[in-house]
Amino acid sequence: MDILYLLVPLSVLLVFLIGALFWWAVHSGQFDDLEGPAHRILMDDDSPQMGRQAIFRAISRSPVRCSSDRPGNRVPPDIDSR
């Protein structure tokens, strides 16, 4: 029971410390823009913009195969146009 005299003030001090750190983070702008950096990673300005036809050609020449290309998989002719 005597340990409560130590743990209760320490827990209250910890709550105030965490509250002060959260207050500092909010007022210093840490939570202003949560999605901007995530979108900025995806925006690569170094490469030239590819048109729709160039993207289609790059995808169609890709060596990646789908599961319907494996032997033994029967695909109706109207679905697979290759």
N, C-alpha and C. Protein backbone atom coordinates (compact mmCIF):
# COMPACT_ATOMS: atom_id res chain seq x y z
N MET A 1 0.81 -1.19 0.00
CA MET A 1 0.00 0.00 0.00
C MET A 1 0.86 1.26 0.00
N ASP A 2 2.05 1.15 0.58
CA ASP A 2 2.94 2.31 0.63
C ASP A 2 3.46 2.68 -0.75
N ILE A 3 3.48 1.71 -1.67
CA ILE A 3 3.99 1.99 -3.01
C ILE A 3 3.08 2.95 -3.76
N LEU A 4 1.80 2.99 -3.39
CA LEU A 4 0.86 3.90 -4.04
C LEU A 4 1.24 5.36 -3.82
N TYR A 5 1.88 5.65 -2.69
CA TYR A 5 2.33 7.02 -2.43
C TYR A 5 3.41 7.46 -3.42
N LEU A 6 4.07 6.50 -4.02
CA LEU A 6 5.08 6.80 -5.04
C LEU A 6 4.48 6.72 -6.45
N LEU A 7 3.66 5.70 -6.70
CA LEU A 7 3.17 5.47 -8.06
C LEU A 7 2.11 6.49 -8.50
N VAL A 8 1.24 6.91 -7.62
CA VAL A 8 0.20 7.87 -8.01
C VAL A 8 0.81 9.22 -8.41
N PRO A 9 1.71 9.81 -7.63
CA PRO A 9 2.32 11.08 -8.10
C PRO A 9 3.15 10.90 -9.37
N LEU A 10 3.84 9.77 -9.50
CA LEU A 10 4.61 9.53 -10.73
C LEU A 10 3.69 9.41 -11.94
N SER A 11 2.56 8.75 -11.80
CA SER A 11 1.65 8.62 -12.93
C SER A 11 1.01 9.97 -13.28
N VAL A 12 0.70 10.77 -12.28
CA VAL A 12 0.16 12.11 -12.55
C VAL A 12 1.21 12.97 -13.25
N LEU A 13 2.45 12.88 -12.81
CA LEU A 13 3.54 13.61 -13.45
C LEU A 13 3.72 13.15 -14.90
N LEU A 14 3.62 11.85 -15.12
CA LEU A 14 3.75 11.31 -16.48
C LEU A 14 2.61 11.80 -17.38
N VAL A 15 1.40 11.84 -16.86
CA VAL A 15 0.26 12.34 -17.64
C VAL A 15 0.49 13.80 -18.01
N PHE A 16 0.94 14.62 -17.09
CA PHE A 16 1.21 16.03 -17.39
C PHE A 16 2.35 16.17 -18.40
N LEU A 17 3.37 15.34 -18.31
CA LEU A 17 4.47 15.39 -19.25
C LEU A 17 4.00 15.02 -20.66
N ILE A 18 3.21 13.97 -20.77
CA ILE A 18 2.69 13.57 -22.08
C ILE A 18 1.76 14.64 -22.63
N GLY A 19 0.93 15.23 -21.77
CA GLY A 19 0.05 16.32 -22.21
C GLY A 19 0.84 17.52 -22.70
N ALA A 20 1.93 17.86 -22.00
CA ALA A 20 2.76 18.99 -22.43
C ALA A 20 3.44 18.70 -23.76
N LEU A 21 3.91 17.48 -23.96
CA LEU A 21 4.53 17.13 -25.24
C LEU A 21 3.51 17.16 -26.38
N PHE A 22 2.30 16.69 -26.12
CA PHE A 22 1.26 16.74 -27.13
C PHE A 22 0.88 18.18 -27.46
N TRP A 23 0.76 19.03 -26.44
CA TRP A 23 0.44 20.44 -26.66
C TRP A 23 1.53 21.10 -27.50
N TRP A 24 2.79 20.79 -27.19
CA TRP A 24 3.90 21.36 -27.97
C TRP A 24 3.83 20.90 -29.42
N ALA A 25 3.53 19.60 -29.64
CA ALA A 25 3.48 19.08 -31.00
C ALA A 25 2.35 19.73 -31.80
N VAL A 26 1.21 19.94 -31.18
CA VAL A 26 0.09 20.56 -31.88
C VAL A 26 0.40 22.01 -32.22
N HIS A 27 0.97 22.74 -31.29
CA HIS A 27 1.22 24.17 -31.52
C HIS A 27 2.48 24.44 -32.34
N SER A 28 3.33 23.44 -32.54
CA SER A 28 4.51 23.66 -33.38
C SER A 28 4.25 23.23 -34.83
N GLY A 29 3.04 22.75 -35.13
CA GLY A 29 2.70 22.43 -36.51
C GLY A 29 2.97 21.00 -36.92
N GLN A 30 3.16 20.11 -35.99
CA GLN A 30 3.46 18.72 -36.33
C GLN A 30 2.28 18.02 -37.00
N PHE A 31 1.06 18.45 -36.73
CA PHE A 31 -0.12 17.79 -37.26
C PHE A 31 -0.86 18.64 -38.29
N ASP A 32 -0.20 19.62 -38.87
CA ASP A 32 -0.85 20.50 -39.83
C ASP A 32 -1.20 19.79 -41.13
N ASP A 33 -0.27 19.07 -41.71
CA ASP A 33 -0.49 18.42 -43.00
C ASP A 33 -0.08 16.96 -42.88
N LEU A 34 -1.05 16.09 -42.66
CA LEU A 34 -0.74 14.68 -42.46
C LEU A 34 -0.62 13.92 -43.77
N GLU A 35 -1.30 14.35 -44.83
CA GLU A 35 -1.30 13.61 -46.09
C GLU A 35 -0.33 14.16 -47.12
N GLY A 36 0.10 15.39 -46.97
CA GLY A 36 0.99 16.01 -47.96
C GLY A 36 2.30 15.27 -48.17
N PRO A 37 3.05 14.93 -47.13
CA PRO A 37 4.29 14.21 -47.34
C PRO A 37 4.11 12.84 -47.98
N ALA A 38 3.01 12.17 -47.67
CA ALA A 38 2.76 10.86 -48.29
C ALA A 38 2.50 11.00 -49.78
N HIS A 39 1.80 12.06 -50.19
CA HIS A 39 1.55 12.27 -51.62
C HIS A 39 2.79 12.81 -52.32
N ARG A 40 3.61 13.56 -51.61
CA ARG A 40 4.81 14.13 -52.20
C ARG A 40 5.82 13.05 -52.59
N ILE A 41 5.84 11.95 -51.85
CA ILE A 41 6.75 10.85 -52.18
C ILE A 41 6.39 10.27 -53.55
N LEU A 42 5.10 10.19 -53.83
CA LEU A 42 4.65 9.58 -55.08
C LEU A 42 4.84 10.48 -56.28
N MET A 43 4.98 11.78 -56.07
CA MET A 43 5.15 12.72 -57.17
C MET A 43 6.62 12.81 -57.53
N ASP A 44 6.98 12.20 -58.64
CA ASP A 44 8.36 12.20 -59.10
C ASP A 44 8.48 13.18 -60.26
N ASP A 45 9.07 14.33 -60.03
CA ASP A 45 9.15 15.36 -61.06
C ASP A 45 10.37 15.19 -61.96
N ASP A 46 11.24 14.22 -61.65
CA ASP A 46 12.45 14.05 -62.45
C ASP A 46 12.19 13.37 -63.79
N SER A 47 11.22 12.48 -63.86
CA SER A 47 10.96 11.75 -65.10
C SER A 47 9.97 12.53 -65.97
N PRO A 48 10.12 12.42 -67.28
CA PRO A 48 9.17 13.11 -68.16
C PRO A 48 7.79 12.46 -68.08
N GLN A 49 6.78 13.23 -68.37
CA GLN A 49 5.41 12.72 -68.34
C GLN A 49 5.19 11.79 -69.53
N MET A 50 4.67 10.60 -69.24
CA MET A 50 4.38 9.66 -70.31
C MET A 50 2.92 9.80 -70.72
N GLY A 51 2.68 9.71 -72.02
CA GLY A 51 1.32 9.76 -72.52
C GLY A 51 0.62 8.43 -72.31
N ARG A 52 -0.65 8.40 -72.60
CA ARG A 52 -1.44 7.19 -72.40
C ARG A 52 -0.94 6.05 -73.29
N GLN A 53 -0.58 6.35 -74.52
CA GLN A 53 -0.10 5.30 -75.43
C GLN A 53 1.24 4.74 -74.97
N ALA A 54 2.13 5.59 -74.46
CA ALA A 54 3.43 5.11 -73.99
C ALA A 54 3.26 4.22 -72.75
N ILE A 55 2.34 4.57 -71.89
CA ILE A 55 2.08 3.73 -70.72
C ILE A 55 1.53 2.39 -71.15
N PHE A 56 0.59 2.39 -72.11
CA PHE A 56 0.01 1.14 -72.58
C PHE A 56 1.08 0.25 -73.22
N ARG A 57 1.98 0.85 -74.01
CA ARG A 57 3.05 0.06 -74.62
C ARG A 57 3.98 -0.51 -73.57
N ALA A 58 4.30 0.26 -72.54
CA ALA A 58 5.18 -0.22 -71.49
C ALA A 58 4.54 -1.37 -70.72
N ILE A 59 3.25 -1.27 -70.47
CA ILE A 59 2.57 -2.34 -69.76
C ILE A 59 2.43 -3.58 -70.62
N SER A 60 2.12 -3.40 -71.90
CA SER A 60 1.91 -4.56 -72.76
C SER A 60 3.21 -5.31 -73.04
N ARG A 61 4.35 -4.66 -72.94
CA ARG A 61 5.64 -5.33 -73.15
C ARG A 61 6.18 -5.93 -71.86
N SER A 62 5.47 -5.78 -70.78
CA SER A 62 5.93 -6.27 -69.49
C SER A 62 5.99 -7.80 -69.49
N PRO A 63 7.05 -8.37 -68.90
CA PRO A 63 7.17 -9.83 -68.86
C PRO A 63 6.26 -10.48 -67.81
N VAL A 64 5.52 -9.71 -67.07
CA VAL A 64 4.64 -10.27 -66.04
C VAL A 64 3.49 -10.98 -66.71
N ARG A 65 3.20 -12.17 -66.24
CA ARG A 65 2.13 -12.96 -66.83
C ARG A 65 1.02 -13.14 -65.82
N CYS A 66 -0.18 -13.24 -66.29
CA CYS A 66 -1.30 -13.45 -65.39
C CYS A 66 -1.55 -14.94 -65.21
N SER A 67 -2.41 -15.28 -64.30
CA SER A 67 -2.65 -16.69 -63.98
C SER A 67 -3.32 -17.42 -65.14
N SER A 68 -3.99 -16.70 -66.04
CA SER A 68 -4.64 -17.37 -67.18
C SER A 68 -3.63 -17.80 -68.23
N ASP A 69 -2.38 -17.33 -68.15
CA ASP A 69 -1.36 -17.71 -69.12
C ASP A 69 -0.71 -19.05 -68.78
N ARG A 70 -0.96 -19.57 -67.61
CA ARG A 70 -0.34 -20.83 -67.22
C ARG A 70 -0.98 -21.99 -67.98
N PRO A 71 -0.19 -22.99 -68.31
CA PRO A 71 -0.77 -24.16 -68.98
C PRO A 71 -1.80 -24.84 -68.07
N GLY A 72 -2.87 -25.27 -68.65
CA GLY A 72 -3.89 -25.96 -67.88
C GLY A 72 -5.03 -25.07 -67.47
N ASN A 73 -4.84 -23.76 -67.53
CA ASN A 73 -5.92 -22.84 -67.20
C ASN A 73 -6.72 -22.57 -68.46
N ARG A 74 -7.98 -22.90 -68.43
CA ARG A 74 -8.85 -22.71 -69.59
C ARG A 74 -9.52 -21.35 -69.48
N VAL A 75 -9.30 -20.50 -70.47
CA VAL A 75 -9.91 -19.18 -70.50
C VAL A 75 -10.75 -19.09 -71.75
N PRO A 76 -11.99 -18.65 -71.65
CA PRO A 76 -12.80 -18.49 -72.85
C PRO A 76 -12.16 -17.51 -73.83
N PRO A 77 -12.28 -17.75 -75.13
CA PRO A 77 -11.59 -16.92 -76.14
C PRO A 77 -12.05 -15.47 -76.13
N ASP A 78 -13.26 -15.18 -75.68
CA ASP A 78 -13.70 -13.79 -75.71
C ASP A 78 -13.08 -12.97 -74.57
N ILE A 79 -12.54 -13.61 -73.53
CA ILE A 79 -11.90 -12.90 -72.43
C ILE A 79 -10.42 -12.64 -72.73
N ASP A 80 -9.74 -13.68 -73.20
CA ASP A 80 -8.31 -13.55 -73.47
C ASP A 80 -8.13 -13.31 -74.97
N SER A 81 -7.72 -12.13 -75.36
CA SER A 81 -7.63 -11.77 -76.77
C SER A 81 -6.27 -12.01 -77.37
N ARG A 82 -5.39 -12.69 -76.67
CA ARG A 82 -4.03 -12.92 -77.20
C ARG A 82 -3.99 -14.05 -78.16
